[in-house]
């Protein structure tokens, strides 16, 4: 447990940010999974693909994902949807 006042504040800030990042990451995973399962089922995926791309871009802009990771996820998602 921290004894220093500034470290106590830093711990509080980290908890708030962790919760926010967890929410963004969970939403991201859900949208990607929806797009992938729709593609596997042969359903129309254009809208789901755009939504998943948007969530990836949001996560990258918030700093939850590194921009290279975001690019890789979008490329793999697009490739998976093209192959189905």
C-alpha atoms as a PDB file:
ATOM      1  CA  UNK A   1       0.000   0.000   0.000  1.00  0.00           C
ATOM      2  CA  UNK A   2       1.292   3.419  -0.926  1.00  0.00           C
ATOM      3  CA  UNK A   3       2.223   5.903   1.798  1.00  0.00           C
ATOM      4  CA  UNK A   4       2.989   8.842  -0.464  1.00  0.00           C
ATOM      5  CA  UNK A   5       0.105  11.143  -1.298  1.00  0.00           C
ATOM      6  CA  UNK A   6       0.982  11.491  -4.972  1.00  0.00           C
ATOM      7  CA  UNK A   7       1.179   7.708  -5.364  1.00  0.00           C
ATOM      8  CA  UNK A   8      -2.251   7.293  -3.755  1.00  0.00           C
ATOM      9  CA  UNK A   9      -3.659   9.722  -6.323  1.00  0.00           C
ATOM     10  CA  UNK A  10      -1.844   7.911  -9.126  1.00  0.00           C
ATOM     11  CA  UNK A  11      -3.397   4.611  -7.963  1.00  0.00           C
ATOM     12  CA  UNK A  12      -6.884   6.144  -8.021  1.00  0.00           C
ATOM     13  CA  UNK A  13      -6.316   7.506 -11.535  1.00  0.00           C
ATOM     14  CA  UNK A  14      -5.008   4.155 -12.733  1.00  0.00           C
ATOM     15  CA  UNK A  15      -8.120   2.354 -11.475  1.00  0.00           C
ATOM     16  CA  UNK A  16     -10.411   4.777 -13.298  1.00  0.00           C
ATOM     17  CA  UNK A  17      -8.421   4.461 -16.513  1.00  0.00           C
ATOM     18  CA  UNK A  18      -8.237   0.675 -16.236  1.00  0.00           C
ATOM     19  CA  UNK A  19     -12.011   0.473 -16.046  1.00  0.00           C
ATOM     20  CA  UNK A  20     -12.416   2.776 -19.036  1.00  0.00           C
ATOM     21  CA  UNK A  21      -9.869   0.835 -21.089  1.00  0.00           C
ATOM     22  CA  UNK A  22     -11.500  -2.469 -20.138  1.00  0.00           C
ATOM     23  CA  UNK A  23     -14.856  -1.205 -21.389  1.00  0.00           C
ATOM     24  CA  UNK A  24     -13.389  -0.085 -24.708  1.00  0.00           C
ATOM     25  CA  UNK A  25     -11.478  -3.356 -25.143  1.00  0.00           C
ATOM     26  CA  UNK A  26     -14.548  -5.469 -24.341  1.00  0.00           C
ATOM     27  CA  UNK A  27     -16.688  -3.519 -26.819  1.00  0.00           C
ATOM     28  CA  UNK A  28     -13.966  -3.947 -29.428  1.00  0.00           C
ATOM     29  CA  UNK A  29     -13.767  -7.724 -28.973  1.00  0.00           C
ATOM     30  CA  UNK A  30     -17.546  -8.046 -29.193  1.00  0.00           C
ATOM     31  CA  UNK A  31     -17.804  -6.127 -32.463  1.00  0.00           C
ATOM     32  CA  UNK A  32     -14.947  -8.111 -34.036  1.00  0.00           C
ATOM     33  CA  UNK A  33     -16.515 -11.411 -32.971  1.00  0.00           C
ATOM     34  CA  UNK A  34     -19.907 -10.367 -34.415  1.00  0.00           C
ATOM     35  CA  UNK A  35     -18.305  -9.541 -37.766  1.00  0.00           C
ATOM     36  CA  UNK A  36     -16.355 -12.808 -37.866  1.00  0.00           C
ATOM     37  CA  UNK A  37     -19.321 -15.007 -36.954  1.00  0.00           C
ATOM     38  CA  UNK A  38     -21.528 -13.276 -39.539  1.00  0.00           C
ATOM     39  CA  UNK A  39     -18.876 -13.866 -42.195  1.00  0.00           C
ATOM     40  CA  UNK A  40     -18.589 -17.530 -41.235  1.00  0.00           C
ATOM     41  CA  UNK A  41     -22.377 -17.898 -41.487  1.00  0.00           C
ATOM     42  CA  UNK A  42     -22.399 -16.283 -44.921  1.00  0.00           C
ATOM     43  CA  UNK A  43     -24.535 -13.327 -43.842  1.00  0.00           C
ATOM     44  CA  UNK A  44     -24.045  -9.764 -45.122  1.00  0.00           C
ATOM     45  CA  UNK A  45     -21.130  -8.294 -43.204  1.00  0.00           C
ATOM     46  CA  UNK A  46     -20.535  -4.830 -44.637  1.00  0.00           C
ATOM     47  CA  UNK A  47     -22.211  -2.942 -41.776  1.00  0.00           C
ATOM     48  CA  UNK A  48     -20.651  -5.162 -39.091  1.00  0.00           C
ATOM     49  CA  UNK A  49     -17.233  -4.793 -40.720  1.00  0.00           C
ATOM     50  CA  UNK A  50     -17.494  -0.994 -40.729  1.00  0.00           C
ATOM     51  CA  UNK A  51     -18.596  -1.010 -37.090  1.00  0.00           C
ATOM     52  CA  UNK A  52     -15.666  -3.234 -36.085  1.00  0.00           C
ATOM     53  CA  UNK A  53     -13.231  -1.003 -37.990  1.00  0.00           C
ATOM     54  CA  UNK A  54     -14.662   2.046 -36.241  1.00  0.00           C
ATOM     55  CA  UNK A  55     -14.230   0.415 -32.823  1.00  0.00           C
ATOM     56  CA  UNK A  56     -10.621  -0.500 -33.654  1.00  0.00           C
ATOM     57  CA  UNK A  57      -9.890   3.084 -34.696  1.00  0.00           C
ATOM     58  CA  UNK A  58     -11.472   4.443 -31.515  1.00  0.00           C
ATOM     59  CA  UNK A  59      -9.408   2.076 -29.347  1.00  0.00           C
ATOM     60  CA  UNK A  60      -6.225   3.148 -31.155  1.00  0.00           C
ATOM     61  CA  UNK A  61      -7.025   6.837 -30.773  1.00  0.00           C
ATOM     62  CA  UNK A  62      -7.682   6.405 -27.040  1.00  0.00           C
ATOM     63  CA  UNK A  63      -4.357   4.635 -26.583  1.00  0.00           C
ATOM     64  CA  UNK A  64      -5.908   1.286 -25.693  1.00  0.00           C
ATOM     65  CA  UNK A  65      -4.307  -0.265 -28.781  1.00  0.00           C
ATOM     66  CA  UNK A  66      -1.028   0.629 -30.455  1.00  0.00           C
ATOM     67  CA  UNK A  67      -1.608   1.982 -33.957  1.00  0.00           C
ATOM     68  CA  UNK A  68       0.289  -0.920 -35.551  1.00  0.00           C
ATOM     69  CA  UNK A  69      -1.845  -3.401 -33.615  1.00  0.00           C
ATOM     70  CA  UNK A  70      -4.969  -1.611 -34.818  1.00  0.00           C
ATOM     71  CA  UNK A  71      -3.774  -1.784 -38.429  1.00  0.00           C
ATOM     72  CA  UNK A  72      -2.991  -5.475 -38.074  1.00  0.00           C
ATOM     73  CA  UNK A  73      -6.421  -6.232 -36.599  1.00  0.00           C
ATOM     74  CA  UNK A  74      -8.190  -4.351 -39.391  1.00  0.00           C
ATOM     75  CA  UNK A  75      -6.153  -6.097 -42.079  1.00  0.00           C
ATOM     76  CA  UNK A  76      -6.785  -9.557 -40.626  1.00  0.00           C
ATOM     77  CA  UNK A  77     -10.487  -8.841 -40.234  1.00  0.00           C
ATOM     78  CA  UNK A  78     -10.729  -7.648 -43.840  1.00  0.00           C
ATOM     79  CA  UNK A  79      -8.862 -10.721 -45.065  1.00  0.00           C
ATOM     80  CA  UNK A  80     -11.138 -13.031 -43.078  1.00  0.00           C
ATOM     81  CA  UNK A  81     -14.238 -11.368 -44.509  1.00  0.00           C
ATOM     82  CA  UNK A  82     -12.879 -11.508 -48.070  1.00  0.00           C
ATOM     83  CA  UNK A  83     -12.095 -15.219 -47.813  1.00  0.00           C
ATOM     84  CA  UNK A  84     -15.577 -16.167 -46.564  1.00  0.00           C
END
